[in-house]
Amino acid sequence: MKNTLTAVAGIIILAGCASPATVYDPSVPEPQVVVNSLDTRYWEAVSKQAPQFPRSNLSRGKSGCVNVSYIITSEGRVANPVVVKALPDKTFDRASIEAVSQFVYRPSETNTSKEPVRTNNVFTYIVGNMPQETHQQLDAIWRSRCSVVDEQ
């Protein structure tokens, strides 16, 4: 009985420590090029799914934003995503990392060498039924709050 309880407790602890879909991969070198997320000189998005809005935050009416920096590898996949800014802190981090980890890119016509780059993506999470214009204004406010100084 004691061994069973220890095993169950260990599983619960491990489940609570589960990491997002992508973890840091030290085998992926840091690229020499850093580009703004709107810069398509190197890579073009093939697939960019929006993150799932965490239900607990939705039911509590929490809005926010997350700025995720990541590497686009020579295969067009995402590696080593990291949250560089989030408001409120840690509220939407997991959903944002999981979403960005699913992004897929293809090289632009000028990126024939498939040069990896570091880029970023800002996700906004806005709760409420509102006119589109109001939603766009709130989106712009959250995006500006989650921008980082060294963005190009």
N, C-alpha and C. Protein backbone atom coordinates (compact mmCIF):
# COMPACT_ATOMS: atom_id res chain seq x y z
N MET A 1 0.82 -1.19 0.00
CA MET A 1 0.00 0.00 0.00
C MET A 1 0.87 1.26 0.00
N LYS A 2 1.90 1.27 0.86
CA LYS A 2 2.80 2.42 0.94
C LYS A 2 3.50 2.66 -0.40
N ASN A 3 3.94 1.57 -1.08
CA ASN A 3 4.59 1.69 -2.38
C ASN A 3 3.64 2.25 -3.42
N THR A 4 2.38 1.84 -3.35
CA THR A 4 1.39 2.34 -4.29
C THR A 4 1.19 3.84 -4.11
N LEU A 5 1.07 4.29 -2.85
CA LEU A 5 0.91 5.71 -2.58
C LEU A 5 2.12 6.51 -3.04
N THR A 6 3.31 5.97 -2.83
CA THR A 6 4.53 6.65 -3.26
C THR A 6 4.55 6.77 -4.78
N ALA A 7 4.17 5.72 -5.48
CA ALA A 7 4.15 5.74 -6.95
C ALA A 7 3.13 6.75 -7.46
N VAL A 8 1.94 6.76 -6.85
CA VAL A 8 0.90 7.71 -7.27
C VAL A 8 1.37 9.13 -7.01
N ALA A 9 1.95 9.39 -5.85
CA ALA A 9 2.44 10.73 -5.53
C ALA A 9 3.52 11.15 -6.51
N GLY A 10 4.42 10.24 -6.87
CA GLY A 10 5.46 10.54 -7.85
C GLY A 10 4.90 10.90 -9.21
N ILE A 11 3.87 10.18 -9.63
CA ILE A 11 3.23 10.47 -10.93
C ILE A 11 2.57 11.83 -10.90
N ILE A 12 1.89 12.14 -9.80
CA ILE A 12 1.23 13.44 -9.68
C ILE A 12 2.26 14.57 -9.72
N ILE A 13 3.36 14.40 -9.01
CA ILE A 13 4.42 15.43 -9.02
C ILE A 13 4.98 15.59 -10.42
N LEU A 14 5.25 14.49 -11.11
CA LEU A 14 5.78 14.57 -12.48
C LEU A 14 4.78 15.22 -13.42
N ALA A 15 3.52 14.88 -13.28
CA ALA A 15 2.50 15.48 -14.15
C ALA A 15 2.42 16.98 -13.92
N GLY A 16 2.56 17.40 -12.67
CA GLY A 16 2.52 18.83 -12.36
C GLY A 16 3.71 19.58 -12.92
N CYS A 17 4.82 18.88 -13.16
CA CYS A 17 6.02 19.51 -13.67
C CYS A 17 6.14 19.39 -15.18
N ALA A 18 5.11 18.87 -15.83
CA ALA A 18 5.17 18.67 -17.28
C ALA A 18 5.48 19.99 -17.96
N SER A 19 6.37 19.94 -18.92
CA SER A 19 6.78 21.15 -19.62
C SER A 19 5.96 21.34 -20.88
N PRO A 20 5.98 22.53 -21.46
CA PRO A 20 5.28 22.77 -22.70
C PRO A 20 5.79 21.86 -23.81
N ALA A 21 5.12 21.91 -24.95
CA ALA A 21 5.40 21.00 -26.05
C ALA A 21 6.86 21.05 -26.52
N THR A 22 7.51 22.18 -26.39
CA THR A 22 8.87 22.32 -26.86
C THR A 22 9.78 22.71 -25.70
N VAL A 23 10.93 22.09 -25.65
CA VAL A 23 11.93 22.45 -24.65
C VAL A 23 13.18 22.93 -25.36
N TYR A 24 14.06 23.56 -24.59
CA TYR A 24 15.30 24.08 -25.16
C TYR A 24 16.14 22.94 -25.72
N ASP A 25 16.61 23.11 -26.93
CA ASP A 25 17.45 22.10 -27.58
C ASP A 25 18.84 22.72 -27.79
N PRO A 26 19.82 22.31 -26.98
CA PRO A 26 21.16 22.90 -27.09
C PRO A 26 21.87 22.58 -28.40
N SER A 27 21.35 21.60 -29.15
CA SER A 27 22.00 21.26 -30.43
C SER A 27 21.65 22.26 -31.53
N VAL A 28 20.67 23.14 -31.29
CA VAL A 28 20.29 24.15 -32.28
C VAL A 28 21.10 25.41 -32.01
N PRO A 29 22.01 25.76 -32.93
CA PRO A 29 22.85 26.95 -32.70
C PRO A 29 22.05 28.24 -32.80
N GLU A 30 22.49 29.25 -32.08
CA GLU A 30 21.84 30.56 -32.13
C GLU A 30 22.15 31.18 -33.50
N PRO A 31 21.14 31.57 -34.26
CA PRO A 31 21.38 32.16 -35.59
C PRO A 31 22.07 33.51 -35.52
N GLN A 32 22.71 33.88 -36.61
CA GLN A 32 23.38 35.17 -36.71
C GLN A 32 22.40 36.29 -37.05
N VAL A 33 21.25 35.92 -37.59
CA VAL A 33 20.28 36.90 -38.06
C VAL A 33 19.07 36.94 -37.12
N VAL A 34 18.68 38.17 -36.74
CA VAL A 34 17.48 38.39 -35.96
C VAL A 34 16.57 39.28 -36.80
N VAL A 35 15.32 38.85 -37.00
CA VAL A 35 14.40 39.60 -37.84
C VAL A 35 13.10 39.87 -37.10
N ASN A 36 12.44 40.93 -37.48
CA ASN A 36 11.12 41.26 -36.99
C ASN A 36 10.14 40.21 -37.51
N SER A 37 9.09 39.94 -36.75
CA SER A 37 8.13 38.91 -37.14
C SER A 37 7.43 39.21 -38.47
N LEU A 38 7.42 40.46 -38.90
CA LEU A 38 6.78 40.81 -40.17
C LEU A 38 7.74 40.76 -41.36
N ASP A 39 9.01 40.51 -41.10
CA ASP A 39 10.04 40.47 -42.14
C ASP A 39 9.99 39.13 -42.86
N THR A 40 9.68 39.15 -44.15
CA THR A 40 9.57 37.91 -44.93
C THR A 40 10.74 37.72 -45.89
N ARG A 41 11.85 38.41 -45.65
CA ARG A 41 13.01 38.23 -46.53
C ARG A 41 13.63 36.84 -46.39
N TYR A 42 13.46 36.21 -45.23
CA TYR A 42 14.08 34.91 -44.98
C TYR A 42 13.07 33.76 -44.99
N TRP A 43 11.97 33.94 -44.28
CA TRP A 43 11.00 32.86 -44.11
C TRP A 43 9.58 33.39 -44.25
N GLU A 44 8.70 32.53 -44.80
CA GLU A 44 7.28 32.85 -44.92
C GLU A 44 6.50 31.80 -44.16
N ALA A 45 5.50 32.23 -43.42
CA ALA A 45 4.70 31.29 -42.65
C ALA A 45 3.84 30.42 -43.57
N VAL A 46 3.87 29.14 -43.31
CA VAL A 46 3.00 28.18 -44.00
C VAL A 46 1.80 27.89 -43.11
N SER A 47 2.07 27.77 -41.82
CA SER A 47 1.02 27.44 -40.86
C SER A 47 1.30 28.16 -39.54
N LYS A 48 0.35 28.98 -39.12
CA LYS A 48 0.44 29.68 -37.83
C LYS A 48 -0.93 29.61 -37.17
N GLN A 49 -1.10 28.66 -36.29
CA GLN A 49 -2.36 28.50 -35.58
C GLN A 49 -2.40 29.42 -34.36
N ALA A 50 -3.55 29.98 -34.10
CA ALA A 50 -3.72 30.80 -32.90
C ALA A 50 -3.72 29.90 -31.67
N PRO A 51 -3.24 30.41 -30.56
CA PRO A 51 -3.23 29.59 -29.34
C PRO A 51 -4.64 29.35 -28.80
N GLN A 52 -4.77 28.29 -28.02
CA GLN A 52 -6.03 28.03 -27.31
C GLN A 52 -6.10 28.97 -26.12
N PHE A 53 -7.22 29.66 -25.97
CA PHE A 53 -7.39 30.54 -24.82
C PHE A 53 -7.62 29.66 -23.60
N PRO A 54 -6.76 29.75 -22.59
CA PRO A 54 -6.94 28.92 -21.40
C PRO A 54 -8.32 29.13 -20.78
N ARG A 55 -9.05 28.04 -20.61
CA ARG A 55 -10.44 28.12 -20.10
C ARG A 55 -10.52 28.82 -18.75
N SER A 56 -9.57 28.55 -17.87
CA SER A 56 -9.62 29.17 -16.54
C SER A 56 -9.53 30.69 -16.65
N ASN A 57 -8.72 31.18 -17.57
CA ASN A 57 -8.58 32.63 -17.75
C ASN A 57 -9.81 33.21 -18.46
N LEU A 58 -10.38 32.44 -19.36
CA LEU A 58 -11.57 32.88 -20.08
C LEU A 58 -12.72 33.06 -19.10
N SER A 59 -12.92 32.06 -18.24
CA SER A 59 -14.03 32.14 -17.29
C SER A 59 -13.83 33.25 -16.25
N ARG A 60 -12.59 33.63 -15.98
CA ARG A 60 -12.30 34.72 -15.03
C ARG A 60 -12.22 36.08 -15.72
N GLY A 61 -12.36 36.09 -17.05
CA GLY A 61 -12.33 37.35 -17.77
C GLY A 61 -10.95 37.97 -17.89
N LYS A 62 -9.90 37.14 -17.84
CA LYS A 62 -8.52 37.67 -17.91
C LYS A 62 -8.10 37.89 -19.35
N SER A 63 -7.58 39.06 -19.64
CA SER A 63 -6.99 39.38 -20.93
C SER A 63 -5.50 39.58 -20.72
N GLY A 64 -4.72 39.55 -21.82
CA GLY A 64 -3.29 39.77 -21.69
C GLY A 64 -2.56 39.58 -23.00
N CYS A 65 -1.23 39.48 -22.90
CA CYS A 65 -0.40 39.31 -24.09
C CYS A 65 0.88 38.58 -23.72
N VAL A 66 1.48 37.95 -24.74
CA VAL A 66 2.75 37.24 -24.55
C VAL A 66 3.59 37.46 -25.80
N ASN A 67 4.86 37.83 -25.59
CA ASN A 67 5.82 37.98 -26.68
C ASN A 67 6.78 36.79 -26.59
N VAL A 68 6.79 35.96 -27.63
CA VAL A 68 7.62 34.76 -27.66
C VAL A 68 8.71 34.92 -28.72
N SER A 69 9.96 34.73 -28.32
CA SER A 69 11.10 34.74 -29.24
C SER A 69 11.45 33.29 -29.55
N TYR A 70 11.82 33.01 -30.81
CA TYR A 70 12.13 31.64 -31.20
C TYR A 70 13.02 31.61 -32.44
N ILE A 71 13.59 30.45 -32.68
CA ILE A 71 14.43 30.23 -33.87
C ILE A 71 13.61 29.51 -34.93
N ILE A 72 13.72 29.99 -36.17
CA ILE A 72 13.21 29.23 -37.31
C ILE A 72 14.41 28.48 -37.86
N THR A 73 14.37 27.17 -37.80
CA THR A 73 15.50 26.34 -38.22
C THR A 73 15.58 26.24 -39.74
N SER A 74 16.65 25.65 -40.23
CA SER A 74 16.82 25.50 -41.68
C SER A 74 15.76 24.56 -42.28
N GLU A 75 15.05 23.83 -41.42
CA GLU A 75 13.95 22.96 -41.89
C GLU A 75 12.60 23.68 -41.83
N GLY A 76 12.59 24.93 -41.36
CA GLY A 76 11.35 25.69 -41.28
C GLY A 76 10.53 25.39 -40.04
N ARG A 77 11.13 24.78 -39.06
CA ARG A 77 10.46 24.45 -37.80
C ARG A 77 10.90 25.41 -36.70
N VAL A 78 10.13 25.45 -35.64
CA VAL A 78 10.44 26.32 -34.50
C VAL A 78 11.31 25.57 -33.50
N ALA A 79 12.31 26.26 -32.99
CA ALA A 79 13.17 25.70 -31.94
C ALA A 79 13.38 26.74 -30.85
N ASN A 80 13.56 26.27 -29.64
CA ASN A 80 13.93 27.08 -28.49
C ASN A 80 13.07 28.33 -28.27
N PRO A 81 11.75 28.15 -28.23
CA PRO A 81 10.91 29.31 -27.93
C PRO A 81 11.08 29.74 -26.48
N VAL A 82 11.06 31.04 -26.26
CA VAL A 82 11.19 31.57 -24.91
C VAL A 82 10.30 32.81 -24.79
N VAL A 83 9.61 32.92 -23.67
CA VAL A 83 8.78 34.10 -23.40
C VAL A 83 9.69 35.24 -22.99
N VAL A 84 9.63 36.34 -23.74
CA VAL A 84 10.47 37.51 -23.42
C VAL A 84 9.69 38.58 -22.66
N LYS A 85 8.36 38.54 -22.78
CA LYS A 85 7.53 39.47 -22.02
C LYS A 85 6.12 38.91 -21.98
N ALA A 86 5.48 39.03 -20.83
CA ALA A 86 4.12 38.55 -20.68
C ALA A 86 3.37 39.41 -19.67
N LEU A 87 2.12 39.74 -20.01
CA LEU A 87 1.25 40.49 -19.11
C LEU A 87 -0.13 39.83 -19.11
N PRO A 88 -0.70 39.48 -17.99
CA PRO A 88 -0.04 39.34 -16.71
C PRO A 88 0.99 38.21 -16.76
N ASP A 89 1.96 38.29 -15.90
CA ASP A 89 3.08 37.36 -15.87
C ASP A 89 2.62 35.91 -15.76
N LYS A 90 3.10 35.07 -16.68
CA LYS A 90 2.89 33.62 -16.69
C LYS A 90 1.46 33.17 -16.94
N THR A 91 0.52 34.07 -17.13
CA THR A 91 -0.88 33.69 -17.29
C THR A 91 -1.14 32.96 -18.60
N PHE A 92 -0.52 33.40 -19.68
CA PHE A 92 -0.78 32.81 -20.99
C PHE A 92 0.48 32.19 -21.62
N ASP A 93 1.54 32.05 -20.85
CA ASP A 93 2.82 31.55 -21.38
C ASP A 93 2.70 30.18 -22.04
N ARG A 94 2.12 29.22 -21.34
CA ARG A 94 2.06 27.85 -21.83
C ARG A 94 1.30 27.78 -23.16
N ALA A 95 0.13 28.43 -23.23
CA ALA A 95 -0.66 28.40 -24.46
C ALA A 95 0.12 29.03 -25.62
N SER A 96 0.87 30.08 -25.34
CA SER A 96 1.64 30.76 -26.39
C SER A 96 2.81 29.90 -26.87
N ILE A 97 3.53 29.28 -25.95
CA ILE A 97 4.65 28.40 -26.33
C ILE A 97 4.13 27.20 -27.13
N GLU A 98 3.01 26.63 -26.70
CA GLU A 98 2.45 25.49 -27.44
C GLU A 98 2.03 25.90 -28.84
N ALA A 99 1.45 27.08 -28.99
CA ALA A 99 1.03 27.55 -30.31
C ALA A 99 2.22 27.79 -31.23
N VAL A 100 3.21 28.54 -30.73
CA VAL A 100 4.37 28.87 -31.58
C VAL A 100 5.15 27.61 -31.96
N SER A 101 5.13 26.61 -31.10
CA SER A 101 5.85 25.37 -31.37
C SER A 101 5.27 24.61 -32.57
N GLN A 102 4.05 24.94 -32.94
CA GLN A 102 3.40 24.28 -34.08
C GLN A 102 3.57 25.06 -35.39
N PHE A 103 4.13 26.26 -35.34
CA PHE A 103 4.31 27.06 -36.55
C PHE A 103 5.21 26.32 -37.54
N VAL A 104 4.93 26.50 -38.82
CA VAL A 104 5.75 25.93 -39.88
C VAL A 104 6.04 27.03 -40.89
N TYR A 105 7.29 27.07 -41.39
CA TYR A 105 7.73 28.10 -42.33
C TYR A 105 8.36 27.46 -43.57
N ARG A 106 8.37 28.24 -44.65
CA ARG A 106 9.12 27.84 -45.85
C ARG A 106 10.07 28.99 -46.17
N PRO A 107 11.22 28.66 -46.76
CA PRO A 107 12.18 29.73 -47.08
C PRO A 107 11.62 30.66 -48.16
N SER A 108 11.94 31.93 -48.05
CA SER A 108 11.53 32.86 -49.10
C SER A 108 12.39 32.60 -50.34
N GLU A 109 12.01 33.22 -51.44
CA GLU A 109 12.77 33.03 -52.69
C GLU A 109 14.22 33.51 -52.55
N THR A 110 14.46 34.48 -51.69
CA THR A 110 15.82 35.00 -51.52
C THR A 110 16.64 34.21 -50.50
N ASN A 111 15.99 33.35 -49.73
CA ASN A 111 16.70 32.58 -48.70
C ASN A 111 16.98 31.16 -49.23
N THR A 112 17.73 31.10 -50.30
CA THR A 112 18.02 29.80 -50.93
C THR A 112 18.90 28.91 -50.06
N SER A 113 19.66 29.52 -49.16
CA SER A 113 20.52 28.72 -48.27
C SER A 113 19.77 28.25 -47.02
N LYS A 114 18.49 28.64 -46.91
CA LYS A 114 17.65 28.28 -45.76
C LYS A 114 18.29 28.68 -44.44
N GLU A 115 18.76 29.94 -44.40
CA GLU A 115 19.45 30.45 -43.22
C GLU A 115 18.48 30.57 -42.04
N PRO A 116 18.83 29.95 -40.92
CA PRO A 116 17.98 30.08 -39.72
C PRO A 116 17.99 31.52 -39.21
N VAL A 117 16.91 31.91 -38.56
CA VAL A 117 16.80 33.24 -37.98
C VAL A 117 16.13 33.15 -36.61
N ARG A 118 16.34 34.17 -35.80
CA ARG A 118 15.57 34.33 -34.57
C ARG A 118 14.54 35.40 -34.85
N THR A 119 13.31 35.16 -34.43
CA THR A 119 12.23 36.11 -34.62
C THR A 119 11.32 36.06 -33.40
N ASN A 120 10.19 36.72 -33.48
CA ASN A 120 9.27 36.72 -32.36
C ASN A 120 7.82 36.79 -32.85
N ASN A 121 6.92 36.51 -31.95
CA ASN A 121 5.50 36.62 -32.23
C ASN A 121 4.81 37.12 -30.96
N VAL A 122 3.93 38.10 -31.11
CA VAL A 122 3.15 38.58 -29.97
C VAL A 122 1.74 38.02 -30.09
N PHE A 123 1.31 37.34 -29.03
CA PHE A 123 -0.05 36.81 -28.95
C PHE A 123 -0.86 37.71 -28.02
N THR A 124 -2.09 38.01 -28.41
CA THR A 124 -2.97 38.77 -27.52
C THR A 124 -4.16 37.89 -27.15
N TYR A 125 -4.61 38.05 -25.94
CA TYR A 125 -5.75 37.31 -25.41
C TYR A 125 -6.74 38.33 -24.88
N ILE A 126 -7.87 38.47 -25.57
CA ILE A 126 -8.85 39.50 -25.22
C ILE A 126 -10.20 38.84 -24.96
N VAL A 127 -10.76 39.11 -23.78
CA VAL A 127 -12.04 38.54 -23.39
C VAL A 127 -13.13 39.57 -23.58
N GLY A 128 -14.26 39.12 -24.08
CA GLY A 128 -15.43 40.00 -24.15
C GLY A 128 -16.04 40.08 -25.53
N ASN A 129 -17.32 40.29 -25.55
CA ASN A 129 -18.06 40.51 -26.78
C ASN A 129 -18.07 42.00 -27.04
N MET A 130 -17.50 42.41 -28.16
CA MET A 130 -17.37 43.85 -28.42
C MET A 130 -17.33 44.08 -29.92
N PRO A 131 -17.58 45.30 -30.34
CA PRO A 131 -17.47 45.62 -31.76
C PRO A 131 -16.03 45.37 -32.24
N GLN A 132 -15.89 45.06 -33.52
CA GLN A 132 -14.58 44.75 -34.09
C GLN A 132 -13.59 45.90 -33.89
N GLU A 133 -14.06 47.13 -34.03
CA GLU A 133 -13.17 48.29 -33.87
C GLU A 133 -12.60 48.36 -32.46
N THR A 134 -13.43 48.09 -31.47
CA THR A 134 -12.98 48.08 -30.07
C THR A 134 -11.97 46.96 -29.85
N HIS A 135 -12.25 45.80 -30.41
CA HIS A 135 -11.34 44.65 -30.29
C HIS A 135 -9.98 45.00 -30.91
N GLN A 136 -9.99 45.63 -32.08
CA GLN A 136 -8.74 46.01 -32.75
C GLN A 136 -7.96 47.03 -31.91
N GLN A 137 -8.66 47.96 -31.27
CA GLN A 137 -7.99 48.95 -30.42
C GLN A 137 -7.34 48.27 -29.21
N LEU A 138 -8.07 47.34 -28.58
CA LEU A 138 -7.51 46.61 -27.44
C LEU A 138 -6.33 45.75 -27.88
N ASP A 139 -6.44 45.13 -29.04
CA ASP A 139 -5.34 44.32 -29.57
C ASP A 139 -4.08 45.16 -29.74
N ALA A 140 -4.24 46.36 -30.30
CA ALA A 140 -3.09 47.25 -30.50
C ALA A 140 -2.48 47.67 -29.16
N ILE A 141 -3.32 47.92 -28.17
CA ILE A 141 -2.81 48.30 -26.84
C ILE A 141 -2.02 47.16 -26.23
N TRP A 142 -2.57 45.94 -26.25
CA TRP A 142 -1.86 44.79 -25.68
C TRP A 142 -0.56 44.52 -26.42
N ARG A 143 -0.59 44.62 -27.75
CA ARG A 143 0.63 44.40 -28.54
C ARG A 143 1.71 45.41 -28.16
N SER A 144 1.34 46.66 -27.99
CA SER A 144 2.34 47.67 -27.62
C SER A 144 2.89 47.40 -26.22
N ARG A 145 2.05 46.91 -25.33
CA ARG A 145 2.51 46.60 -23.96
C ARG A 145 3.49 45.42 -23.94
N CYS A 146 3.32 44.50 -24.90
CA CYS A 146 4.19 43.32 -24.92
C CYS A 146 5.36 43.45 -25.88
N SER A 147 5.50 44.61 -26.51
CA SER A 147 6.65 44.78 -27.40
C SER A 147 7.91 44.88 -26.56
N VAL A 148 9.03 44.57 -27.20
CA VAL A 148 10.31 44.70 -26.50
C VAL A 148 11.15 45.72 -27.23
N VAL A 149 12.02 46.39 -26.51
CA VAL A 149 12.80 47.50 -27.03
C VAL A 149 13.64 47.11 -28.23
N ASP A 150 14.23 45.90 -28.22
CA ASP A 150 15.16 45.55 -29.29
C ASP A 150 14.50 44.96 -30.52
N GLU A 151 13.15 45.02 -30.62
CA GLU A 151 12.50 44.59 -31.86
C GLU A 151 12.90 45.51 -32.98
N GLN A 152 13.05 44.92 -34.16
CA GLN A 152 13.45 45.74 -35.32
C GLN A 152 12.24 46.23 -36.05
